[in-house]
Amino acid sequence: MWLLILGLIVFLGVHSLRIVADGPRTQVRARLGERAWKAIYSLVSIGGFVLLIWGFGAARHDPVVLYAPPLWLRHANALFTLMAFVLVAAAYVPRNHLKASIGHPMYAGIKVWALGHLLATGTLRDVLLFGAFLIWAIGGFMVSRRRDRRNGVTYPAGSAFGDALAVAIGIVAWAIFAFWLHLRWIGVAPFG
């Protein structure tokens, strides 16, 4: 379990720099230069992610069950995850109404994904992983929205094409992950 916790600290820690220390982060980034900053940031992120995955997999061998969710929540989680994939796609598709209204659909997608998984799973490792991501996404969303208001940030108006593209990309990515990659990468078949 300690590898999972260490991975979460490293991965979410590096991704929290802009949330908790935007000024110092900007100074270090300027001092190092864009390329060096991105290289260090990427290496630390990848290292944290590897520890997180390794720790999550290792915790599977000695599960600590905290609660037993009803089976219907597994199916509800599939809908939560579908919404999360659409929200994440909306973060990258230009001119869609989700980005225009939410501002930070990536954080919103991570919140929905984490909440769905917390409802559908019940082991200690799940609570640690999805709970940490949920708390991180809530904090990141709040800080980013506050920063947007302070800086007068507005997002381009959405369009029907942008909406359709975000939804289509989200659905296709979700289907690929849910029906093929989730079992291969995570070891759990969401629908079987």
N, C-alpha and C. Protein backbone atom coordinates (compact mmCIF):
# COMPACT_ATOMS: atom_id res chain seq x y z
N MET A 1 0.82 -1.20 0.00
CA MET A 1 0.00 0.00 0.00
C MET A 1 0.86 1.26 0.00
N TRP A 2 2.05 1.15 0.58
CA TRP A 2 2.91 2.33 0.67
C TRP A 2 3.36 2.81 -0.70
N LEU A 3 3.52 1.90 -1.68
CA LEU A 3 3.87 2.32 -3.03
C LEU A 3 2.75 3.13 -3.67
N LEU A 4 1.52 2.72 -3.44
CA LEU A 4 0.37 3.47 -3.95
C LEU A 4 0.34 4.86 -3.35
N ILE A 5 0.53 4.95 -2.05
CA ILE A 5 0.51 6.25 -1.37
C ILE A 5 1.66 7.13 -1.86
N LEU A 6 2.86 6.56 -1.99
CA LEU A 6 4.00 7.32 -2.50
C LEU A 6 3.73 7.80 -3.93
N GLY A 7 3.18 6.92 -4.76
CA GLY A 7 2.85 7.29 -6.14
C GLY A 7 1.84 8.42 -6.19
N LEU A 8 0.82 8.35 -5.34
CA LEU A 8 -0.17 9.42 -5.28
C LEU A 8 0.46 10.75 -4.85
N ILE A 9 1.33 10.68 -3.85
CA ILE A 9 1.99 11.91 -3.37
C ILE A 9 2.83 12.52 -4.48
N VAL A 10 3.61 11.71 -5.17
CA VAL A 10 4.49 12.24 -6.23
C VAL A 10 3.66 12.73 -7.41
N PHE A 11 2.74 11.91 -7.91
CA PHE A 11 1.98 12.25 -9.11
C PHE A 11 1.06 13.45 -8.87
N LEU A 12 0.26 13.37 -7.81
CA LEU A 12 -0.65 14.49 -7.54
C LEU A 12 0.10 15.70 -6.99
N GLY A 13 1.22 15.45 -6.32
CA GLY A 13 2.03 16.56 -5.83
C GLY A 13 2.56 17.43 -6.95
N VAL A 14 3.14 16.81 -7.96
CA VAL A 14 3.68 17.59 -9.07
C VAL A 14 2.54 18.27 -9.85
N HIS A 15 1.39 17.61 -9.91
CA HIS A 15 0.25 18.21 -10.60
C HIS A 15 -0.47 19.25 -9.75
N SER A 16 -0.06 19.40 -8.50
CA SER A 16 -0.66 20.40 -7.62
C SER A 16 0.16 21.67 -7.53
N LEU A 17 1.32 21.71 -8.16
CA LEU A 17 2.18 22.89 -8.04
C LEU A 17 1.46 24.16 -8.45
N ARG A 18 0.73 24.12 -9.55
CA ARG A 18 0.02 25.32 -10.00
C ARG A 18 -1.13 25.66 -9.07
N ILE A 19 -1.68 24.65 -8.40
CA ILE A 19 -2.80 24.87 -7.49
C ILE A 19 -2.33 25.55 -6.21
N VAL A 20 -1.24 25.05 -5.61
CA VAL A 20 -0.83 25.52 -4.29
C VAL A 20 0.35 26.49 -4.31
N ALA A 21 1.11 26.53 -5.40
CA ALA A 21 2.30 27.39 -5.43
C ALA A 21 2.55 27.93 -6.84
N ASP A 22 1.55 28.63 -7.38
CA ASP A 22 1.65 29.10 -8.76
C ASP A 22 2.80 30.09 -8.95
N GLY A 23 2.98 30.98 -7.99
CA GLY A 23 4.06 31.97 -8.11
C GLY A 23 5.44 31.34 -8.13
N PRO A 24 5.80 30.56 -7.12
CA PRO A 24 7.10 29.89 -7.13
C PRO A 24 7.27 28.95 -8.33
N ARG A 25 6.21 28.28 -8.73
CA ARG A 25 6.26 27.40 -9.90
C ARG A 25 6.63 28.20 -11.15
N THR A 26 6.01 29.36 -11.31
CA THR A 26 6.28 30.21 -12.47
C THR A 26 7.72 30.70 -12.46
N GLN A 27 8.24 31.04 -11.28
CA GLN A 27 9.62 31.51 -11.16
C GLN A 27 10.61 30.41 -11.52
N VAL A 28 10.39 29.22 -10.99
CA VAL A 28 11.28 28.09 -11.29
C VAL A 28 11.22 27.76 -12.78
N ARG A 29 10.03 27.79 -13.33
CA ARG A 29 9.84 27.50 -14.75
C ARG A 29 10.60 28.51 -15.61
N ALA A 30 10.55 29.79 -15.23
CA ALA A 30 11.26 30.83 -15.98
C ALA A 30 12.77 30.65 -15.83
N ARG A 31 13.23 30.30 -14.63
CA ARG A 31 14.66 30.12 -14.38
C ARG A 31 15.22 28.93 -15.16
N LEU A 32 14.48 27.83 -15.17
CA LEU A 32 14.95 26.63 -15.85
C LEU A 32 14.80 26.70 -17.37
N GLY A 33 13.79 27.42 -17.81
CA GLY A 33 13.45 27.43 -19.23
C GLY A 33 12.34 26.41 -19.49
N GLU A 34 11.57 26.68 -20.54
CA GLU A 34 10.39 25.85 -20.84
C GLU A 34 10.74 24.38 -21.06
N ARG A 35 11.78 24.13 -21.84
CA ARG A 35 12.15 22.74 -22.17
C ARG A 35 12.59 21.96 -20.94
N ALA A 36 13.47 22.54 -20.15
CA ALA A 36 13.97 21.84 -18.96
C ALA A 36 12.82 21.62 -17.97
N TRP A 37 11.97 22.64 -17.80
CA TRP A 37 10.83 22.49 -16.89
C TRP A 37 9.95 21.33 -17.32
N LYS A 38 9.59 21.29 -18.61
CA LYS A 38 8.72 20.22 -19.10
C LYS A 38 9.38 18.85 -18.97
N ALA A 39 10.67 18.79 -19.19
CA ALA A 39 11.38 17.51 -19.07
C ALA A 39 11.34 17.01 -17.63
N ILE A 40 11.67 17.87 -16.68
CA ILE A 40 11.67 17.49 -15.27
C ILE A 40 10.24 17.14 -14.81
N TYR A 41 9.30 17.98 -15.18
CA TYR A 41 7.90 17.77 -14.82
C TYR A 41 7.41 16.42 -15.37
N SER A 42 7.74 16.13 -16.60
CA SER A 42 7.32 14.87 -17.23
C SER A 42 7.96 13.67 -16.55
N LEU A 43 9.24 13.75 -16.26
CA LEU A 43 9.92 12.62 -15.61
C LEU A 43 9.36 12.34 -14.22
N VAL A 44 9.12 13.40 -13.45
CA VAL A 44 8.56 13.22 -12.11
C VAL A 44 7.14 12.67 -12.22
N SER A 45 6.35 13.19 -13.16
CA SER A 45 4.98 12.70 -13.36
C SER A 45 4.96 11.23 -13.74
N ILE A 46 5.80 10.86 -14.67
CA ILE A 46 5.86 9.46 -15.11
C ILE A 46 6.31 8.56 -13.96
N GLY A 47 7.31 9.01 -13.21
CA GLY A 47 7.77 8.24 -12.06
C GLY A 47 6.67 8.03 -11.03
N GLY A 48 5.93 9.10 -10.73
CA GLY A 48 4.81 9.00 -9.80
C GLY A 48 3.72 8.09 -10.32
N PHE A 49 3.45 8.18 -11.61
CA PHE A 49 2.41 7.35 -12.22
C PHE A 49 2.79 5.87 -12.17
N VAL A 50 4.06 5.58 -12.44
CA VAL A 50 4.53 4.19 -12.39
C VAL A 50 4.39 3.65 -10.96
N LEU A 51 4.80 4.44 -9.97
CA LEU A 51 4.65 4.01 -8.58
C LEU A 51 3.19 3.78 -8.22
N LEU A 52 2.34 4.69 -8.67
CA LEU A 52 0.90 4.59 -8.41
C LEU A 52 0.32 3.31 -8.99
N ILE A 53 0.63 3.03 -10.26
CA ILE A 53 0.13 1.82 -10.92
C ILE A 53 0.68 0.57 -10.24
N TRP A 54 1.96 0.58 -9.98
CA TRP A 54 2.61 -0.57 -9.34
C TRP A 54 2.00 -0.81 -7.96
N GLY A 55 1.84 0.26 -7.19
CA GLY A 55 1.26 0.15 -5.85
C GLY A 55 -0.19 -0.30 -5.87
N PHE A 56 -0.96 0.19 -6.85
CA PHE A 56 -2.36 -0.20 -6.98
C PHE A 56 -2.46 -1.68 -7.31
N GLY A 57 -1.60 -2.14 -8.21
CA GLY A 57 -1.59 -3.56 -8.57
C GLY A 57 -1.16 -4.44 -7.41
N ALA A 58 -0.15 -4.00 -6.67
CA ALA A 58 0.34 -4.78 -5.52
C ALA A 58 -0.71 -4.87 -4.42
N ALA A 59 -1.49 -3.79 -4.25
CA ALA A 59 -2.53 -3.78 -3.21
C ALA A 59 -3.66 -4.75 -3.54
N ARG A 60 -3.76 -5.17 -4.77
CA ARG A 60 -4.79 -6.14 -5.19
C ARG A 60 -4.57 -7.50 -4.52
N HIS A 61 -3.32 -7.83 -4.18
CA HIS A 61 -3.01 -9.14 -3.60
C HIS A 61 -3.48 -9.29 -2.16
N ASP A 62 -3.67 -8.18 -1.47
CA ASP A 62 -4.11 -8.23 -0.08
C ASP A 62 -5.21 -7.18 0.11
N PRO A 63 -6.40 -7.41 -0.48
CA PRO A 63 -7.45 -6.38 -0.43
C PRO A 63 -8.05 -6.20 0.96
N VAL A 64 -8.30 -4.95 1.28
CA VAL A 64 -8.98 -4.60 2.53
C VAL A 64 -10.34 -4.04 2.12
N VAL A 65 -11.39 -4.81 2.35
CA VAL A 65 -12.74 -4.39 1.95
C VAL A 65 -13.31 -3.46 3.01
N LEU A 66 -13.69 -2.26 2.57
CA LEU A 66 -14.29 -1.27 3.48
C LEU A 66 -15.80 -1.28 3.39
N TYR A 67 -16.33 -1.50 2.19
CA TYR A 67 -17.78 -1.57 1.99
C TYR A 67 -18.05 -2.36 0.71
N ALA A 68 -19.27 -2.87 0.60
CA ALA A 68 -19.67 -3.66 -0.56
C ALA A 68 -20.79 -2.93 -1.29
N PRO A 69 -20.45 -2.22 -2.35
CA PRO A 69 -21.48 -1.47 -3.08
C PRO A 69 -22.42 -2.40 -3.84
N PRO A 70 -23.66 -1.98 -4.02
CA PRO A 70 -24.59 -2.82 -4.78
C PRO A 70 -24.16 -2.89 -6.25
N LEU A 71 -24.56 -3.97 -6.91
CA LEU A 71 -24.15 -4.22 -8.29
C LEU A 71 -24.58 -3.10 -9.23
N TRP A 72 -25.74 -2.50 -9.00
CA TRP A 72 -26.24 -1.47 -9.92
C TRP A 72 -25.30 -0.26 -9.97
N LEU A 73 -24.51 -0.05 -8.93
CA LEU A 73 -23.57 1.08 -8.96
C LEU A 73 -22.45 0.85 -9.97
N ARG A 74 -22.15 -0.41 -10.28
CA ARG A 74 -21.17 -0.70 -11.33
C ARG A 74 -21.67 -0.17 -12.68
N HIS A 75 -22.94 -0.39 -12.94
CA HIS A 75 -23.53 0.09 -14.19
C HIS A 75 -23.62 1.61 -14.19
N ALA A 76 -23.95 2.18 -13.05
CA ALA A 76 -23.98 3.64 -12.94
C ALA A 76 -22.58 4.20 -13.18
N ASN A 77 -21.56 3.50 -12.71
CA ASN A 77 -20.19 3.96 -12.91
C ASN A 77 -19.84 4.02 -14.40
N ALA A 78 -20.38 3.11 -15.19
CA ALA A 78 -20.13 3.16 -16.63
C ALA A 78 -20.65 4.48 -17.20
N LEU A 79 -21.80 4.95 -16.72
CA LEU A 79 -22.33 6.24 -17.18
C LEU A 79 -21.49 7.40 -16.67
N PHE A 80 -21.07 7.32 -15.41
CA PHE A 80 -20.19 8.35 -14.86
C PHE A 80 -18.91 8.45 -15.71
N THR A 81 -18.35 7.29 -16.03
CA THR A 81 -17.10 7.27 -16.79
C THR A 81 -17.32 7.78 -18.21
N LEU A 82 -18.45 7.47 -18.82
CA LEU A 82 -18.76 8.01 -20.14
C LEU A 82 -18.82 9.53 -20.08
N MET A 83 -19.50 10.07 -19.07
CA MET A 83 -19.56 11.53 -18.92
C MET A 83 -18.16 12.11 -18.71
N ALA A 84 -17.35 11.40 -17.95
CA ALA A 84 -15.99 11.87 -17.69
C ALA A 84 -15.17 11.94 -18.99
N PHE A 85 -15.30 10.93 -19.83
CA PHE A 85 -14.56 10.93 -21.10
C PHE A 85 -15.01 12.07 -21.99
N VAL A 86 -16.30 12.37 -22.01
CA VAL A 86 -16.79 13.50 -22.81
C VAL A 86 -16.24 14.81 -22.25
N LEU A 87 -16.24 14.95 -20.94
CA LEU A 87 -15.71 16.17 -20.33
C LEU A 87 -14.21 16.34 -20.62
N VAL A 88 -13.46 15.26 -20.53
CA VAL A 88 -12.02 15.35 -20.82
C VAL A 88 -11.81 15.70 -22.29
N ALA A 89 -12.59 15.11 -23.19
CA ALA A 89 -12.49 15.47 -24.61
C ALA A 89 -12.80 16.95 -24.81
N ALA A 90 -13.79 17.45 -24.07
CA ALA A 90 -14.17 18.86 -24.19
C ALA A 90 -13.05 19.81 -23.77
N ALA A 91 -12.14 19.34 -22.94
CA ALA A 91 -11.01 20.17 -22.54
C ALA A 91 -10.08 20.45 -23.72
N TYR A 92 -10.09 19.58 -24.71
CA TYR A 92 -9.17 19.70 -25.84
C TYR A 92 -9.83 20.09 -27.15
N VAL A 93 -11.12 19.89 -27.27
CA VAL A 93 -11.84 20.26 -28.50
C VAL A 93 -12.18 21.74 -28.44
N PRO A 94 -11.76 22.51 -29.44
CA PRO A 94 -12.04 23.95 -29.40
C PRO A 94 -13.52 24.26 -29.60
N ARG A 95 -13.93 25.37 -29.01
CA ARG A 95 -15.24 25.97 -29.22
C ARG A 95 -16.40 25.00 -28.94
N ASN A 96 -16.45 24.50 -27.71
CA ASN A 96 -17.60 23.69 -27.31
C ASN A 96 -18.24 24.33 -26.08
N HIS A 97 -19.52 24.06 -25.88
CA HIS A 97 -20.26 24.70 -24.79
C HIS A 97 -19.81 24.23 -23.41
N LEU A 98 -19.32 23.01 -23.30
CA LEU A 98 -18.85 22.53 -21.99
C LEU A 98 -17.66 23.36 -21.51
N LYS A 99 -16.69 23.57 -22.39
CA LYS A 99 -15.52 24.38 -22.01
C LYS A 99 -15.94 25.83 -21.78
N ALA A 100 -16.83 26.34 -22.62
CA ALA A 100 -17.27 27.72 -22.47
C ALA A 100 -17.97 27.95 -21.13
N SER A 101 -18.76 26.98 -20.68
CA SER A 101 -19.51 27.18 -19.44
C SER A 101 -18.76 26.71 -18.20
N ILE A 102 -18.04 25.59 -18.30
CA ILE A 102 -17.35 25.04 -17.13
C ILE A 102 -15.97 25.66 -16.96
N GLY A 103 -15.30 25.94 -18.06
CA GLY A 103 -13.97 26.52 -18.01
C GLY A 103 -12.87 25.48 -17.89
N HIS A 104 -13.07 24.49 -17.08
CA HIS A 104 -12.05 23.47 -16.82
C HIS A 104 -12.69 22.08 -16.83
N PRO A 105 -13.12 21.62 -18.01
CA PRO A 105 -13.80 20.33 -18.06
C PRO A 105 -12.91 19.14 -17.72
N MET A 106 -11.58 19.30 -17.81
CA MET A 106 -10.69 18.21 -17.41
C MET A 106 -10.87 17.91 -15.93
N TYR A 107 -10.82 18.94 -15.10
CA TYR A 107 -11.05 18.74 -13.66
C TYR A 107 -12.44 18.17 -13.41
N ALA A 108 -13.44 18.68 -14.10
CA ALA A 108 -14.80 18.18 -13.92
C ALA A 108 -14.88 16.70 -14.30
N GLY A 109 -14.22 16.32 -15.38
CA GLY A 109 -14.21 14.92 -15.81
C GLY A 109 -13.55 14.02 -14.79
N ILE A 110 -12.45 14.48 -14.22
CA ILE A 110 -11.75 13.68 -13.21
C ILE A 110 -12.62 13.54 -11.96
N LYS A 111 -13.34 14.60 -11.59
CA LYS A 111 -14.24 14.51 -10.44
C LYS A 111 -15.33 13.46 -10.68
N VAL A 112 -15.93 13.48 -11.85
CA VAL A 112 -17.00 12.53 -12.17
C VAL A 112 -16.46 11.11 -12.21
N TRP A 113 -15.29 10.92 -12.84
CA TRP A 113 -14.65 9.60 -12.91
C TRP A 113 -14.35 9.06 -11.50
N ALA A 114 -13.74 9.90 -10.68
CA ALA A 114 -13.36 9.46 -9.33
C ALA A 114 -14.59 9.16 -8.48
N LEU A 115 -15.60 10.01 -8.54
CA LEU A 115 -16.82 9.78 -7.76
C LEU A 115 -17.50 8.48 -8.19
N GLY A 116 -17.62 8.26 -9.48
CA GLY A 116 -18.23 7.02 -9.98
C GLY A 116 -17.50 5.79 -9.49
N HIS A 117 -16.18 5.85 -9.51
CA HIS A 117 -15.39 4.70 -9.06
C HIS A 117 -15.47 4.52 -7.54
N LEU A 118 -15.55 5.60 -6.79
CA LEU A 118 -15.73 5.48 -5.34
C LEU A 118 -17.06 4.81 -5.01
N LEU A 119 -18.09 5.14 -5.76
CA LEU A 119 -19.40 4.54 -5.52
C LEU A 119 -19.43 3.06 -5.90
N ALA A 120 -18.66 2.68 -6.92
CA ALA A 120 -18.75 1.32 -7.47
C ALA A 120 -17.75 0.34 -6.88
N THR A 121 -16.77 0.83 -6.15
CA THR A 121 -15.75 -0.05 -5.58
C THR A 121 -15.74 0.14 -4.07
N GLY A 122 -15.06 -0.73 -3.37
CA GLY A 122 -15.13 -0.61 -1.92
C GLY A 122 -13.91 -1.04 -1.15
N THR A 123 -12.76 -1.17 -1.83
CA THR A 123 -11.57 -1.57 -1.08
C THR A 123 -10.76 -0.35 -0.67
N LEU A 124 -9.87 -0.55 0.26
CA LEU A 124 -9.03 0.53 0.75
C LEU A 124 -8.22 1.16 -0.38
N ARG A 125 -7.66 0.32 -1.26
CA ARG A 125 -6.84 0.86 -2.35
C ARG A 125 -7.69 1.74 -3.27
N ASP A 126 -8.95 1.35 -3.51
CA ASP A 126 -9.84 2.15 -4.34
C ASP A 126 -10.15 3.49 -3.68
N VAL A 127 -10.43 3.45 -2.40
CA VAL A 127 -10.75 4.68 -1.68
C VAL A 127 -9.54 5.62 -1.68
N LEU A 128 -8.35 5.05 -1.48
CA LEU A 128 -7.15 5.89 -1.52
C LEU A 128 -6.96 6.52 -2.90
N LEU A 129 -7.01 5.70 -3.94
CA LEU A 129 -6.76 6.20 -5.29
C LEU A 129 -7.84 7.18 -5.73
N PHE A 130 -9.09 6.75 -5.74
CA PHE A 130 -10.15 7.59 -6.28
C PHE A 130 -10.49 8.75 -5.35
N GLY A 131 -10.36 8.52 -4.04
CA GLY A 131 -10.58 9.62 -3.10
C GLY A 131 -9.54 10.72 -3.26
N ALA A 132 -8.27 10.32 -3.43
CA ALA A 132 -7.21 11.31 -3.63
C ALA A 132 -7.43 12.10 -4.91
N PHE A 133 -7.80 11.41 -5.99
CA PHE A 133 -8.05 12.12 -7.25
C PHE A 133 -9.27 13.03 -7.14
N LEU A 134 -10.30 12.60 -6.42
CA LEU A 134 -11.49 13.43 -6.25
C LEU A 134 -11.16 14.71 -5.48
N ILE A 135 -10.45 14.57 -4.38
CA ILE A 135 -10.06 15.74 -3.59
C ILE A 135 -9.18 16.67 -4.41
N TRP A 136 -8.21 16.10 -5.14
CA TRP A 136 -7.31 16.91 -5.97
C TRP A 136 -8.10 17.66 -7.05
N ALA A 137 -9.03 16.98 -7.70
CA ALA A 137 -9.79 17.61 -8.78
C ALA A 137 -10.72 18.71 -8.25
N ILE A 138 -11.31 18.49 -7.09
CA ILE A 138 -12.16 19.53 -6.50
C ILE A 138 -11.32 20.76 -6.19
N GLY A 139 -10.17 20.56 -5.56
CA GLY A 139 -9.29 21.70 -5.25
C GLY A 139 -8.79 22.39 -6.50
N GLY A 140 -8.35 21.62 -7.48
CA GLY A 140 -7.85 22.21 -8.72
C GLY A 140 -8.91 22.99 -9.45
N PHE A 141 -10.13 22.47 -9.48
CA PHE A 141 -11.23 23.16 -10.15
C PHE A 141 -11.53 24.49 -9.47
N MET A 142 -11.61 24.46 -8.14
CA MET A 142 -11.93 25.69 -7.40
C MET A 142 -10.85 26.75 -7.60
N VAL A 143 -9.59 26.35 -7.48
CA VAL A 143 -8.49 27.32 -7.63
C VAL A 143 -8.44 27.86 -9.05
N SER A 144 -8.64 27.00 -10.04
CA SER A 144 -8.59 27.44 -11.43
C SER A 144 -9.74 28.39 -11.76
N ARG A 145 -10.93 28.10 -11.27
CA ARG A 145 -12.07 29.00 -11.51
C ARG A 145 -11.84 30.35 -10.82
N ARG A 146 -11.30 30.32 -9.62
CA ARG A 146 -11.00 31.57 -8.90
C ARG A 146 -9.95 32.37 -9.67
N ARG A 147 -8.93 31.70 -10.19
CA ARG A 147 -7.89 32.37 -10.97
C ARG A 147 -8.47 32.98 -12.24
N ASP A 148 -9.36 32.24 -12.89
CA ASP A 148 -10.02 32.76 -14.10
C ASP A 148 -10.80 34.03 -13.79
N ARG A 149 -11.57 34.02 -12.70
CA ARG A 149 -12.35 35.21 -12.34
C ARG A 149 -11.43 36.39 -12.02
N ARG A 150 -10.37 36.13 -11.28
CA ARG A 150 -9.43 37.18 -10.91
C ARG A 150 -8.76 37.79 -12.13
N ASN A 151 -8.44 36.96 -13.12
CA ASN A 151 -7.75 37.43 -14.32
C ASN A 151 -8.70 37.81 -15.46
N GLY A 152 -10.01 37.70 -15.22
CA GLY A 152 -10.98 38.05 -16.24
C GLY A 152 -10.97 37.13 -17.46
N VAL A 153 -10.65 35.87 -17.24
CA VAL A 153 -10.58 34.90 -18.34
C VAL A 153 -11.99 34.54 -18.79
N THR A 154 -12.18 34.59 -20.10
CA THR A 154 -13.41 34.08 -20.70
C THR A 154 -13.02 33.08 -21.78
N TYR A 155 -13.88 32.12 -21.99
CA TYR A 155 -13.60 31.09 -22.98
C TYR A 155 -14.44 31.33 -24.22
N PRO A 156 -13.93 30.95 -25.40
CA PRO A 156 -14.70 31.17 -26.63
C PRO A 156 -16.06 30.50 -26.56
N ALA A 157 -17.03 31.13 -27.19
CA ALA A 157 -18.38 30.58 -27.22
C ALA A 157 -18.37 29.20 -27.88
N GLY A 158 -19.24 28.36 -27.42
CA GLY A 158 -19.34 27.02 -27.97
C GLY A 158 -20.10 27.01 -29.28
N SER A 159 -19.93 25.94 -30.01
CA SER A 159 -20.65 25.76 -31.27
C SER A 159 -21.20 24.34 -31.30
N ALA A 160 -22.20 24.13 -32.13
CA ALA A 160 -22.78 22.79 -32.26
C ALA A 160 -21.73 21.81 -32.77
N PHE A 161 -20.87 22.25 -33.68
CA PHE A 161 -19.83 21.37 -34.20
C PHE A 161 -18.85 20.99 -33.09
N GLY A 162 -18.42 21.97 -32.29
CA GLY A 162 -17.52 21.68 -31.17
C GLY A 162 -18.14 20.72 -30.17
N ASP A 163 -19.43 20.91 -29.89
CA ASP A 163 -20.14 20.00 -28.97
C ASP A 163 -20.17 18.59 -29.53
N ALA A 164 -20.58 18.48 -30.80
CA ALA A 164 -20.68 17.16 -31.43
C ALA A 164 -19.33 16.46 -31.47
N LEU A 165 -18.28 17.20 -31.75
CA LEU A 165 -16.95 16.63 -31.82
C LEU A 165 -16.49 16.15 -30.43
N ALA A 166 -16.72 16.96 -29.41
CA ALA A 166 -16.33 16.56 -28.05
C ALA A 166 -17.09 15.31 -27.62
N VAL A 167 -18.38 15.26 -27.89
CA VAL A 167 -19.18 14.10 -27.52
C VAL A 167 -18.73 12.86 -28.30
N ALA A 168 -18.51 13.01 -29.61
CA ALA A 168 -18.09 11.87 -30.43
C ALA A 168 -16.74 11.32 -29.99
N ILE A 169 -15.78 12.20 -29.77
CA ILE A 169 -14.46 11.77 -29.33
C ILE A 169 -14.55 11.11 -27.96
N GLY A 170 -15.32 11.71 -27.05
CA GLY A 170 -15.49 11.13 -25.72
C GLY A 170 -16.11 9.75 -25.76
N ILE A 171 -17.14 9.57 -26.57
CA ILE A 171 -17.82 8.27 -26.66
C ILE A 171 -16.89 7.21 -27.25
N VAL A 172 -16.19 7.56 -28.33
CA VAL A 172 -15.28 6.59 -28.97
C VAL A 172 -14.16 6.21 -28.01
N ALA A 173 -13.55 7.21 -27.35
CA ALA A 173 -12.46 6.93 -26.41
C ALA A 173 -12.97 6.07 -25.24
N TRP A 174 -14.16 6.40 -24.73
CA TRP A 174 -14.75 5.61 -23.65
C TRP A 174 -14.98 4.17 -24.08
N ALA A 175 -15.55 3.98 -25.27
CA ALA A 175 -15.84 2.62 -25.75
C ALA A 175 -14.56 1.80 -25.90
N ILE A 176 -13.52 2.41 -26.47
CA ILE A 176 -12.24 1.70 -26.62
C ILE A 176 -11.70 1.31 -25.25
N PHE A 177 -11.75 2.25 -24.31
CA PHE A 177 -11.22 1.96 -22.99
C PHE A 177 -12.08 0.95 -22.24
N ALA A 178 -13.40 1.15 -22.26
CA ALA A 178 -14.30 0.28 -21.49
C ALA A 178 -14.34 -1.14 -22.01
N PHE A 179 -14.35 -1.31 -23.33
CA PHE A 179 -14.54 -2.64 -23.89
C PHE A 179 -13.23 -3.36 -24.24
N TRP A 180 -12.12 -2.64 -24.23
CA TRP A 180 -10.88 -3.28 -24.63
C TRP A 180 -9.74 -3.02 -23.67
N LEU A 181 -9.43 -1.75 -23.41
CA LEU A 181 -8.22 -1.41 -22.65
C LEU A 181 -8.35 -1.60 -21.14
N HIS A 182 -9.52 -1.38 -20.57
CA HIS A 182 -9.67 -1.46 -19.11
C HIS A 182 -9.27 -2.83 -18.59
N LEU A 183 -9.73 -3.89 -19.23
CA LEU A 183 -9.37 -5.24 -18.81
C LEU A 183 -7.87 -5.48 -18.98
N ARG A 184 -7.31 -5.06 -20.11
CA ARG A 184 -5.89 -5.29 -20.38
C ARG A 184 -4.98 -4.48 -19.48
N TRP A 185 -5.33 -3.24 -19.21
CA TRP A 185 -4.48 -2.37 -18.40
C TRP A 185 -4.75 -2.45 -16.92
N ILE A 186 -6.02 -2.56 -16.54
CA ILE A 186 -6.40 -2.51 -15.13
C ILE A 186 -6.67 -3.91 -14.56
N GLY A 187 -7.03 -4.83 -15.43
CA GLY A 187 -7.31 -6.19 -14.98
C GLY A 187 -8.75 -6.40 -14.55
N VAL A 188 -9.62 -5.46 -14.84
CA VAL A 188 -11.04 -5.56 -14.48
C VAL A 188 -11.86 -5.33 -15.73
N ALA A 189 -12.83 -6.23 -15.98
CA ALA A 189 -13.76 -6.05 -17.11
C ALA A 189 -14.97 -5.28 -16.61
N PRO A 190 -15.17 -4.03 -17.04
CA PRO A 190 -16.27 -3.23 -16.53
C PRO A 190 -17.66 -3.83 -16.75
N PHE A 191 -17.82 -4.63 -17.81
CA PHE A 191 -19.14 -5.17 -18.13
C PHE A 191 -19.20 -6.68 -18.03
N GLY A 192 -18.29 -7.28 -17.32
CA GLY A 192 -18.37 -8.72 -17.24
C GLY A 192 -17.62 -9.22 -16.10
